[in-house]
Amino acid sequence: MYKTIRGDHAWEPIPGGIIGGWGSAGREPAGPQVLRSPVVTASARLEWGTTYQVTVLELGLACCGVEVMAALDRLPGLGVTPVDGAGEAHVLIVSGTVTDVMLPAVLRSYEAMPEPRYVISVGACSNTGGPYWDSYSVTKGIDQALPVHVAVPGCPPRPEALLEGLKALHRLVNS
């Protein structure tokens, strides 16, 4: 169990997973422990089902956003489509430092998403506040404001880690 202000969250670790990146001092929650994996090919396409198209909105708020953008070109091979607006997205990827000033915009994006909607938190800053955790103006993890389904640790996590996070979300949705 992972405790947050919003209550307890049960995380299912990925077998053989490791915790990496900033946060090895214990401040960063493991979430599903995401492994660095080999490059995902089209043969590893995820079968998300036929009820809806999986669309992703990425909120790149800091340096982790660059790593997420590096993974975006691989998403169509997984059956996932990046979109520009929250009204089209089913998965919200929050990466980087979420400041208290930026939090309302993140919440508006989440509220504008259609159901079903899922949240992936990418990187130490989004997971726990990262190296800025003790700043008065930084949200101490987006899970304090939104229900996070998958947390990808690292500072910054590699693009492959985001793909592993999407696979973890796929397993969660299909279970």
N, C-alpha and C. Protein backbone atom coordinates (compact mmCIF):
# COMPACT_ATOMS: atom_id res chain seq x y z
N MET A 1 0.83 -1.19 0.00
CA MET A 1 0.00 0.00 0.00
C MET A 1 0.87 1.24 0.00
N TYR A 2 0.44 2.21 -0.74
CA TYR A 2 1.13 3.48 -0.83
C TYR A 2 0.18 4.53 -0.27
N LYS A 3 0.57 5.23 0.78
CA LYS A 3 -0.31 6.18 1.44
C LYS A 3 -0.15 7.57 0.85
N THR A 4 -1.28 8.24 0.61
CA THR A 4 -1.28 9.62 0.15
C THR A 4 -2.34 10.37 0.94
N ILE A 5 -2.41 11.66 0.72
CA ILE A 5 -3.43 12.47 1.37
C ILE A 5 -4.82 12.00 0.96
N ARG A 6 -4.95 11.51 -0.28
CA ARG A 6 -6.24 11.06 -0.80
C ARG A 6 -6.61 9.67 -0.30
N GLY A 7 -5.74 9.00 0.43
CA GLY A 7 -6.04 7.66 0.93
C GLY A 7 -5.00 6.66 0.47
N ASP A 8 -5.33 5.37 0.65
CA ASP A 8 -4.40 4.30 0.30
C ASP A 8 -4.53 3.95 -1.18
N HIS A 9 -3.41 3.68 -1.80
CA HIS A 9 -3.39 3.20 -3.18
C HIS A 9 -2.66 1.87 -3.19
N ALA A 10 -3.25 0.87 -3.79
CA ALA A 10 -2.57 -0.41 -3.94
C ALA A 10 -1.84 -0.42 -5.27
N TRP A 11 -0.55 -0.64 -5.24
CA TRP A 11 0.24 -0.68 -6.47
C TRP A 11 0.64 -2.12 -6.72
N GLU A 12 0.63 -2.52 -7.97
CA GLU A 12 1.07 -3.85 -8.35
C GLU A 12 2.45 -3.72 -8.99
N PRO A 13 3.51 -4.17 -8.30
CA PRO A 13 4.84 -4.01 -8.88
C PRO A 13 5.02 -4.91 -10.11
N ILE A 14 5.80 -4.44 -11.05
CA ILE A 14 6.16 -5.25 -12.20
C ILE A 14 7.22 -6.23 -11.73
N PRO A 15 7.04 -7.55 -11.99
CA PRO A 15 8.02 -8.53 -11.51
C PRO A 15 9.43 -8.18 -11.96
N GLY A 16 10.37 -8.27 -11.03
CA GLY A 16 11.76 -7.98 -11.34
C GLY A 16 12.06 -6.51 -11.48
N GLY A 17 11.10 -5.66 -11.11
CA GLY A 17 11.27 -4.22 -11.30
C GLY A 17 12.32 -3.63 -10.38
N ILE A 18 12.79 -2.47 -10.75
CA ILE A 18 13.77 -1.76 -9.93
C ILE A 18 13.30 -0.33 -9.73
N ILE A 19 13.72 0.26 -8.65
CA ILE A 19 13.47 1.68 -8.43
C ILE A 19 14.74 2.40 -8.86
N GLY A 20 14.60 3.40 -9.72
CA GLY A 20 15.80 4.07 -10.21
C GLY A 20 15.64 5.57 -10.19
N GLY A 21 16.71 6.26 -10.51
CA GLY A 21 16.67 7.71 -10.64
C GLY A 21 16.68 8.42 -9.31
N TRP A 22 16.34 9.70 -9.34
CA TRP A 22 16.29 10.50 -8.13
C TRP A 22 15.24 9.91 -7.22
N GLY A 23 15.44 9.93 -5.97
CA GLY A 23 14.47 9.38 -5.05
C GLY A 23 14.97 8.11 -4.41
N SER A 24 16.19 7.73 -4.69
CA SER A 24 16.70 6.52 -4.07
C SER A 24 16.81 6.68 -2.56
N ALA A 25 16.69 7.92 -2.08
CA ALA A 25 16.71 8.16 -0.64
C ALA A 25 15.37 7.79 -0.01
N GLY A 26 14.43 7.31 -0.81
CA GLY A 26 13.17 6.83 -0.26
C GLY A 26 12.03 7.81 -0.38
N ARG A 27 12.25 8.98 -0.98
CA ARG A 27 11.16 9.95 -1.08
C ARG A 27 10.25 9.66 -2.27
N GLU A 28 10.75 8.98 -3.28
CA GLU A 28 9.95 8.75 -4.47
C GLU A 28 9.21 7.42 -4.35
N PRO A 29 7.86 7.43 -4.48
CA PRO A 29 7.13 6.17 -4.41
C PRO A 29 7.47 5.31 -5.62
N ALA A 30 7.48 4.02 -5.41
CA ALA A 30 7.84 3.12 -6.50
C ALA A 30 6.75 3.03 -7.55
N GLY A 31 5.48 3.21 -7.14
CA GLY A 31 4.41 2.97 -8.10
C GLY A 31 4.64 1.59 -8.67
N PRO A 32 4.13 1.31 -9.86
CA PRO A 32 4.59 0.09 -10.50
C PRO A 32 6.06 0.28 -10.83
N GLN A 33 6.90 -0.60 -10.37
CA GLN A 33 8.33 -0.42 -10.55
C GLN A 33 8.66 -0.71 -12.01
N VAL A 34 9.02 0.31 -12.74
CA VAL A 34 9.17 0.20 -14.18
C VAL A 34 10.61 -0.12 -14.54
N LEU A 35 10.78 -1.16 -15.34
CA LEU A 35 12.11 -1.56 -15.81
C LEU A 35 12.47 -0.82 -17.07
N ARG A 36 13.75 -0.60 -17.29
CA ARG A 36 14.21 -0.14 -18.59
C ARG A 36 14.15 -1.36 -19.50
N SER A 37 13.49 -1.20 -20.63
CA SER A 37 13.29 -2.34 -21.51
C SER A 37 13.89 -2.06 -22.87
N PRO A 38 14.03 -3.10 -23.69
CA PRO A 38 14.47 -2.86 -25.06
C PRO A 38 13.42 -2.08 -25.82
N VAL A 39 13.79 -1.55 -26.95
CA VAL A 39 12.88 -0.76 -27.77
C VAL A 39 11.66 -1.59 -28.13
N VAL A 40 10.48 -1.01 -27.97
CA VAL A 40 9.24 -1.70 -28.29
C VAL A 40 8.99 -1.60 -29.78
N THR A 41 8.65 -2.71 -30.39
CA THR A 41 8.39 -2.73 -31.83
C THR A 41 6.90 -2.86 -32.08
N ALA A 42 6.51 -2.74 -33.33
CA ALA A 42 5.10 -2.86 -33.68
C ALA A 42 4.56 -4.23 -33.35
N SER A 43 5.41 -5.25 -33.28
CA SER A 43 4.94 -6.58 -32.95
C SER A 43 4.49 -6.67 -31.49
N ALA A 44 4.88 -5.69 -30.69
CA ALA A 44 4.47 -5.67 -29.28
C ALA A 44 3.23 -4.81 -29.08
N ARG A 45 2.49 -4.57 -30.16
CA ARG A 45 1.29 -3.73 -30.11
C ARG A 45 0.33 -4.21 -29.02
N LEU A 46 -0.16 -3.29 -28.24
CA LEU A 46 -1.08 -3.63 -27.17
C LEU A 46 -2.50 -3.69 -27.71
N GLU A 47 -3.21 -4.71 -27.34
CA GLU A 47 -4.61 -4.83 -27.76
C GLU A 47 -5.47 -4.17 -26.69
N TRP A 48 -5.83 -2.93 -26.92
CA TRP A 48 -6.58 -2.14 -25.95
C TRP A 48 -8.07 -2.46 -26.02
N GLY A 49 -8.53 -3.19 -27.02
CA GLY A 49 -9.95 -3.49 -27.14
C GLY A 49 -10.58 -2.61 -28.18
N THR A 50 -11.85 -2.85 -28.44
CA THR A 50 -12.54 -2.12 -29.50
C THR A 50 -13.53 -1.10 -28.97
N THR A 51 -13.64 -0.94 -27.65
CA THR A 51 -14.64 -0.03 -27.12
C THR A 51 -14.28 1.43 -27.32
N TYR A 52 -13.01 1.76 -27.36
CA TYR A 52 -12.58 3.13 -27.58
C TYR A 52 -11.14 3.14 -28.07
N GLN A 53 -10.78 4.23 -28.71
CA GLN A 53 -9.40 4.41 -29.14
C GLN A 53 -8.62 5.00 -27.98
N VAL A 54 -7.44 4.46 -27.70
CA VAL A 54 -6.63 4.97 -26.60
C VAL A 54 -5.91 6.22 -27.08
N THR A 55 -6.23 7.33 -26.45
CA THR A 55 -5.63 8.61 -26.80
C THR A 55 -4.93 9.19 -25.58
N VAL A 56 -3.79 9.82 -25.81
CA VAL A 56 -2.93 10.29 -24.72
C VAL A 56 -2.73 11.79 -24.83
N LEU A 57 -2.91 12.50 -23.71
CA LEU A 57 -2.57 13.92 -23.62
C LEU A 57 -1.38 14.03 -22.69
N GLU A 58 -0.29 14.62 -23.17
CA GLU A 58 0.92 14.74 -22.37
C GLU A 58 1.06 16.17 -21.87
N LEU A 59 1.14 16.33 -20.55
CA LEU A 59 1.41 17.63 -19.95
C LEU A 59 2.87 17.64 -19.52
N GLY A 60 3.74 18.10 -20.39
CA GLY A 60 5.18 18.16 -20.10
C GLY A 60 5.50 19.46 -19.40
N LEU A 61 5.64 19.40 -18.09
CA LEU A 61 5.81 20.61 -17.30
C LEU A 61 7.27 20.93 -17.01
N ALA A 62 8.18 20.04 -17.33
CA ALA A 62 9.61 20.30 -17.08
C ALA A 62 10.43 19.30 -17.89
N CYS A 63 11.63 19.01 -17.42
CA CYS A 63 12.58 18.21 -18.21
C CYS A 63 12.09 16.80 -18.51
N CYS A 64 11.27 16.20 -17.68
CA CYS A 64 10.75 14.87 -17.98
C CYS A 64 9.88 14.89 -19.23
N GLY A 65 9.30 16.04 -19.53
CA GLY A 65 8.49 16.17 -20.73
C GLY A 65 9.28 15.89 -21.99
N VAL A 66 10.58 16.20 -21.98
CA VAL A 66 11.44 15.93 -23.13
C VAL A 66 11.57 14.43 -23.35
N GLU A 67 11.73 13.68 -22.27
CA GLU A 67 11.82 12.22 -22.38
C GLU A 67 10.50 11.63 -22.87
N VAL A 68 9.38 12.20 -22.42
CA VAL A 68 8.08 11.72 -22.89
C VAL A 68 7.93 11.99 -24.38
N MET A 69 8.35 13.18 -24.82
CA MET A 69 8.27 13.50 -26.25
C MET A 69 9.11 12.53 -27.07
N ALA A 70 10.23 12.07 -26.53
CA ALA A 70 11.06 11.10 -27.24
C ALA A 70 10.34 9.77 -27.43
N ALA A 71 9.42 9.47 -26.54
CA ALA A 71 8.66 8.22 -26.65
C ALA A 71 7.42 8.36 -27.53
N LEU A 72 6.98 9.59 -27.79
CA LEU A 72 5.73 9.78 -28.52
C LEU A 72 5.75 9.18 -29.91
N ASP A 73 6.89 9.16 -30.57
CA ASP A 73 6.93 8.59 -31.91
C ASP A 73 6.75 7.08 -31.91
N ARG A 74 6.94 6.45 -30.76
CA ARG A 74 6.76 4.99 -30.66
C ARG A 74 5.33 4.62 -30.28
N LEU A 75 4.53 5.57 -29.81
CA LEU A 75 3.19 5.26 -29.33
C LEU A 75 2.25 4.70 -30.39
N PRO A 76 2.23 5.22 -31.62
CA PRO A 76 1.31 4.64 -32.61
C PRO A 76 1.55 3.14 -32.83
N GLY A 77 2.77 2.67 -32.69
CA GLY A 77 3.06 1.25 -32.82
C GLY A 77 2.46 0.42 -31.71
N LEU A 78 2.08 1.06 -30.61
CA LEU A 78 1.44 0.38 -29.49
C LEU A 78 -0.08 0.51 -29.52
N GLY A 79 -0.61 1.16 -30.51
CA GLY A 79 -2.06 1.36 -30.57
C GLY A 79 -2.51 2.55 -29.74
N VAL A 80 -1.62 3.50 -29.52
CA VAL A 80 -1.90 4.69 -28.71
C VAL A 80 -1.68 5.92 -29.58
N THR A 81 -2.62 6.88 -29.51
CA THR A 81 -2.54 8.08 -30.33
C THR A 81 -2.39 9.32 -29.46
N PRO A 82 -1.30 10.09 -29.62
CA PRO A 82 -1.19 11.38 -28.90
C PRO A 82 -2.19 12.38 -29.48
N VAL A 83 -2.82 13.17 -28.61
CA VAL A 83 -3.78 14.19 -29.04
C VAL A 83 -3.39 15.54 -28.46
N ASP A 84 -4.01 16.60 -28.98
CA ASP A 84 -3.68 17.95 -28.54
C ASP A 84 -4.62 18.50 -27.48
N GLY A 85 -5.79 17.90 -27.31
CA GLY A 85 -6.75 18.45 -26.37
C GLY A 85 -7.27 17.42 -25.38
N ALA A 86 -7.62 17.89 -24.19
CA ALA A 86 -8.09 17.00 -23.14
C ALA A 86 -9.42 16.34 -23.50
N GLY A 87 -10.23 17.00 -24.31
CA GLY A 87 -11.53 16.44 -24.67
C GLY A 87 -11.44 15.17 -25.49
N GLU A 88 -10.28 14.89 -26.04
CA GLU A 88 -10.09 13.69 -26.87
C GLU A 88 -9.30 12.60 -26.15
N ALA A 89 -8.72 12.89 -25.00
CA ALA A 89 -7.75 11.99 -24.36
C ALA A 89 -8.41 11.09 -23.32
N HIS A 90 -7.92 9.85 -23.25
CA HIS A 90 -8.33 8.92 -22.20
C HIS A 90 -7.23 8.73 -21.17
N VAL A 91 -5.99 9.04 -21.55
CA VAL A 91 -4.84 8.89 -20.66
C VAL A 91 -4.15 10.24 -20.54
N LEU A 92 -3.98 10.72 -19.31
CA LEU A 92 -3.26 11.96 -19.05
C LEU A 92 -1.89 11.60 -18.51
N ILE A 93 -0.84 12.05 -19.21
CA ILE A 93 0.53 11.83 -18.75
C ILE A 93 1.03 13.14 -18.17
N VAL A 94 1.29 13.14 -16.86
CA VAL A 94 1.81 14.33 -16.19
C VAL A 94 3.29 14.08 -15.93
N SER A 95 4.13 14.95 -16.50
CA SER A 95 5.58 14.79 -16.32
C SER A 95 6.18 16.13 -15.94
N GLY A 96 7.08 16.09 -14.98
CA GLY A 96 7.74 17.31 -14.55
C GLY A 96 7.16 17.88 -13.28
N THR A 97 7.73 19.00 -12.86
CA THR A 97 7.34 19.64 -11.61
C THR A 97 5.97 20.28 -11.74
N VAL A 98 5.06 19.91 -10.85
CA VAL A 98 3.73 20.52 -10.81
C VAL A 98 3.75 21.56 -9.70
N THR A 99 3.72 22.82 -10.08
CA THR A 99 3.70 23.88 -9.07
C THR A 99 2.26 24.10 -8.61
N ASP A 100 2.11 24.72 -7.46
CA ASP A 100 0.77 25.00 -6.95
C ASP A 100 0.01 25.93 -7.87
N VAL A 101 0.73 26.79 -8.60
CA VAL A 101 0.08 27.70 -9.56
C VAL A 101 -0.40 26.93 -10.79
N MET A 102 0.34 25.91 -11.19
CA MET A 102 0.00 25.12 -12.38
C MET A 102 -1.04 24.05 -12.09
N LEU A 103 -1.20 23.67 -10.84
CA LEU A 103 -2.11 22.58 -10.48
C LEU A 103 -3.54 22.79 -10.98
N PRO A 104 -4.14 23.98 -10.87
CA PRO A 104 -5.51 24.15 -11.38
C PRO A 104 -5.63 23.85 -12.88
N ALA A 105 -4.62 24.18 -13.66
CA ALA A 105 -4.66 23.88 -15.10
C ALA A 105 -4.60 22.37 -15.34
N VAL A 106 -3.80 21.67 -14.55
CA VAL A 106 -3.73 20.22 -14.66
C VAL A 106 -5.08 19.61 -14.29
N LEU A 107 -5.69 20.10 -13.22
CA LEU A 107 -7.00 19.59 -12.81
C LEU A 107 -8.07 19.86 -13.86
N ARG A 108 -8.03 21.05 -14.50
CA ARG A 108 -8.99 21.35 -15.57
C ARG A 108 -8.82 20.40 -16.74
N SER A 109 -7.58 20.10 -17.08
CA SER A 109 -7.33 19.14 -18.16
C SER A 109 -7.91 17.78 -17.82
N TYR A 110 -7.71 17.34 -16.59
CA TYR A 110 -8.24 16.04 -16.16
C TYR A 110 -9.77 16.03 -16.21
N GLU A 111 -10.38 17.08 -15.69
CA GLU A 111 -11.84 17.15 -15.66
C GLU A 111 -12.45 17.21 -17.05
N ALA A 112 -11.71 17.74 -18.03
CA ALA A 112 -12.22 17.84 -19.41
C ALA A 112 -12.12 16.52 -20.17
N MET A 113 -11.43 15.55 -19.61
CA MET A 113 -11.27 14.27 -20.29
C MET A 113 -12.54 13.43 -20.19
N PRO A 114 -12.88 12.70 -21.26
CA PRO A 114 -14.04 11.81 -21.20
C PRO A 114 -13.71 10.55 -20.40
N GLU A 115 -14.74 9.88 -19.92
CA GLU A 115 -14.56 8.59 -19.24
C GLU A 115 -14.39 7.51 -20.29
N PRO A 116 -13.65 6.46 -20.04
CA PRO A 116 -12.79 6.24 -18.89
C PRO A 116 -11.53 7.08 -19.02
N ARG A 117 -11.00 7.52 -17.89
CA ARG A 117 -9.79 8.35 -17.91
C ARG A 117 -8.79 7.82 -16.89
N TYR A 118 -7.54 7.88 -17.29
CA TYR A 118 -6.46 7.34 -16.49
C TYR A 118 -5.33 8.35 -16.41
N VAL A 119 -4.52 8.26 -15.35
CA VAL A 119 -3.40 9.19 -15.15
C VAL A 119 -2.12 8.40 -14.97
N ILE A 120 -1.09 8.81 -15.73
CA ILE A 120 0.26 8.28 -15.55
C ILE A 120 1.13 9.44 -15.09
N SER A 121 1.80 9.25 -13.96
CA SER A 121 2.73 10.25 -13.44
C SER A 121 4.14 9.82 -13.81
N VAL A 122 4.87 10.71 -14.49
CA VAL A 122 6.19 10.35 -15.02
C VAL A 122 7.27 11.21 -14.36
N GLY A 123 8.21 10.57 -13.69
CA GLY A 123 9.36 11.26 -13.13
C GLY A 123 9.22 11.61 -11.67
N ALA A 124 10.35 11.83 -11.04
CA ALA A 124 10.40 12.13 -9.61
C ALA A 124 9.62 13.38 -9.25
N CYS A 125 9.70 14.42 -10.08
CA CYS A 125 9.02 15.68 -9.75
C CYS A 125 7.51 15.51 -9.73
N SER A 126 6.99 14.81 -10.71
CA SER A 126 5.55 14.58 -10.77
C SER A 126 5.11 13.60 -9.68
N ASN A 127 5.96 12.63 -9.36
CA ASN A 127 5.60 11.63 -8.35
C ASN A 127 5.64 12.18 -6.93
N THR A 128 6.66 12.98 -6.61
CA THR A 128 6.86 13.40 -5.21
C THR A 128 7.28 14.85 -5.03
N GLY A 129 7.47 15.58 -6.11
CA GLY A 129 8.04 16.92 -6.01
C GLY A 129 9.51 16.92 -6.36
N GLY A 130 10.13 15.74 -6.46
CA GLY A 130 11.52 15.61 -6.87
C GLY A 130 12.47 16.39 -5.99
N PRO A 131 13.50 16.98 -6.57
CA PRO A 131 14.46 17.72 -5.76
C PRO A 131 13.87 18.99 -5.17
N TYR A 132 12.69 19.36 -5.62
CA TYR A 132 12.02 20.57 -5.12
C TYR A 132 10.95 20.24 -4.09
N TRP A 133 10.96 19.03 -3.53
CA TRP A 133 9.90 18.56 -2.65
C TRP A 133 9.68 19.47 -1.45
N ASP A 134 10.71 20.19 -1.01
CA ASP A 134 10.55 21.03 0.18
C ASP A 134 10.24 22.49 -0.16
N SER A 135 9.97 22.77 -1.42
CA SER A 135 9.63 24.14 -1.82
C SER A 135 8.18 24.45 -1.46
N TYR A 136 7.93 25.65 -1.06
CA TYR A 136 6.57 26.05 -0.69
C TYR A 136 5.62 26.04 -1.89
N SER A 137 6.15 26.13 -3.10
CA SER A 137 5.29 26.30 -4.28
C SER A 137 5.14 25.04 -5.12
N VAL A 138 5.63 23.90 -4.65
CA VAL A 138 5.59 22.67 -5.44
C VAL A 138 4.62 21.67 -4.82
N THR A 139 3.76 21.12 -5.67
CA THR A 139 2.86 20.05 -5.25
C THR A 139 3.70 18.81 -4.97
N LYS A 140 3.51 18.19 -3.84
CA LYS A 140 4.34 17.07 -3.40
C LYS A 140 3.89 15.75 -4.01
N GLY A 141 3.65 15.75 -5.29
CA GLY A 141 3.18 14.56 -5.99
C GLY A 141 1.79 14.80 -6.53
N ILE A 142 1.60 14.53 -7.80
CA ILE A 142 0.30 14.78 -8.43
C ILE A 142 -0.77 13.85 -7.87
N ASP A 143 -0.35 12.75 -7.23
CA ASP A 143 -1.34 11.83 -6.64
C ASP A 143 -2.07 12.45 -5.46
N GLN A 144 -1.62 13.60 -4.97
CA GLN A 144 -2.34 14.29 -3.92
C GLN A 144 -3.55 15.03 -4.46
N ALA A 145 -3.61 15.20 -5.78
CA ALA A 145 -4.72 15.92 -6.39
C ALA A 145 -5.51 15.08 -7.38
N LEU A 146 -4.88 14.09 -7.98
CA LEU A 146 -5.52 13.25 -8.99
C LEU A 146 -5.32 11.77 -8.65
N PRO A 147 -6.23 10.91 -9.09
CA PRO A 147 -5.99 9.48 -8.91
C PRO A 147 -4.96 8.99 -9.92
N VAL A 148 -3.78 8.67 -9.46
CA VAL A 148 -2.71 8.20 -10.35
C VAL A 148 -2.80 6.69 -10.46
N HIS A 149 -2.87 6.20 -11.69
CA HIS A 149 -2.97 4.76 -11.94
C HIS A 149 -1.61 4.11 -12.11
N VAL A 150 -0.66 4.83 -12.69
CA VAL A 150 0.70 4.32 -12.88
C VAL A 150 1.68 5.45 -12.58
N ALA A 151 2.69 5.16 -11.77
CA ALA A 151 3.76 6.12 -11.49
C ALA A 151 5.06 5.56 -12.05
N VAL A 152 5.69 6.31 -12.94
CA VAL A 152 6.95 5.90 -13.56
C VAL A 152 8.08 6.66 -12.85
N PRO A 153 8.94 5.97 -12.09
CA PRO A 153 10.00 6.66 -11.36
C PRO A 153 11.18 7.01 -12.26
N GLY A 154 12.02 7.91 -11.76
CA GLY A 154 13.25 8.27 -12.46
C GLY A 154 13.41 9.77 -12.56
N CYS A 155 14.64 10.20 -12.82
CA CYS A 155 14.92 11.62 -12.95
C CYS A 155 16.00 11.83 -14.00
N PRO A 156 15.60 12.03 -15.21
CA PRO A 156 14.29 11.71 -15.78
C PRO A 156 14.25 10.24 -16.17
N PRO A 157 13.06 9.66 -16.25
CA PRO A 157 12.97 8.28 -16.72
C PRO A 157 13.25 8.21 -18.22
N ARG A 158 13.77 7.10 -18.66
CA ARG A 158 14.04 6.91 -20.08
C ARG A 158 12.73 6.74 -20.84
N PRO A 159 12.71 7.03 -22.13
CA PRO A 159 11.48 6.83 -22.92
C PRO A 159 10.94 5.41 -22.81
N GLU A 160 11.83 4.44 -22.70
CA GLU A 160 11.40 3.05 -22.57
C GLU A 160 10.61 2.83 -21.29
N ALA A 161 10.93 3.59 -20.24
CA ALA A 161 10.20 3.46 -18.98
C ALA A 161 8.76 3.91 -19.14
N LEU A 162 8.52 4.96 -19.93
CA LEU A 162 7.15 5.38 -20.21
C LEU A 162 6.39 4.28 -20.94
N LEU A 163 7.04 3.64 -21.89
CA LEU A 163 6.39 2.55 -22.61
C LEU A 163 6.04 1.41 -21.67
N GLU A 164 6.93 1.12 -20.71
CA GLU A 164 6.62 0.11 -19.69
C GLU A 164 5.45 0.56 -18.82
N GLY A 165 5.38 1.87 -18.53
CA GLY A 165 4.25 2.40 -17.77
C GLY A 165 2.94 2.23 -18.51
N LEU A 166 2.96 2.44 -19.82
CA LEU A 166 1.75 2.22 -20.63
C LEU A 166 1.35 0.75 -20.63
N LYS A 167 2.34 -0.13 -20.65
CA LYS A 167 2.03 -1.57 -20.57
C LYS A 167 1.41 -1.90 -19.22
N ALA A 168 1.94 -1.29 -18.15
CA ALA A 168 1.38 -1.52 -16.81
C ALA A 168 -0.06 -1.03 -16.75
N LEU A 169 -0.34 0.12 -17.36
CA LEU A 169 -1.71 0.63 -17.41
C LEU A 169 -2.60 -0.31 -18.21
N HIS A 170 -2.08 -0.85 -19.30
CA HIS A 170 -2.83 -1.80 -20.12
C HIS A 170 -3.22 -3.02 -19.29
N ARG A 171 -2.28 -3.55 -18.50
CA ARG A 171 -2.59 -4.70 -17.64
C ARG A 171 -3.63 -4.33 -16.59
N LEU A 172 -3.53 -3.12 -16.04
CA LEU A 172 -4.48 -2.66 -15.04
C LEU A 172 -5.88 -2.55 -15.63
N VAL A 173 -5.98 -1.98 -16.82
CA VAL A 173 -7.28 -1.78 -17.47
C VAL A 173 -7.91 -3.12 -17.82
N ASN A 174 -7.10 -4.07 -18.26
CA ASN A 174 -7.62 -5.37 -18.69
C ASN A 174 -7.85 -6.35 -17.56
N SER A 175 -7.46 -5.99 -16.34
CA SER A 175 -7.65 -6.93 -15.22
C SER A 175 -9.00 -6.75 -14.56
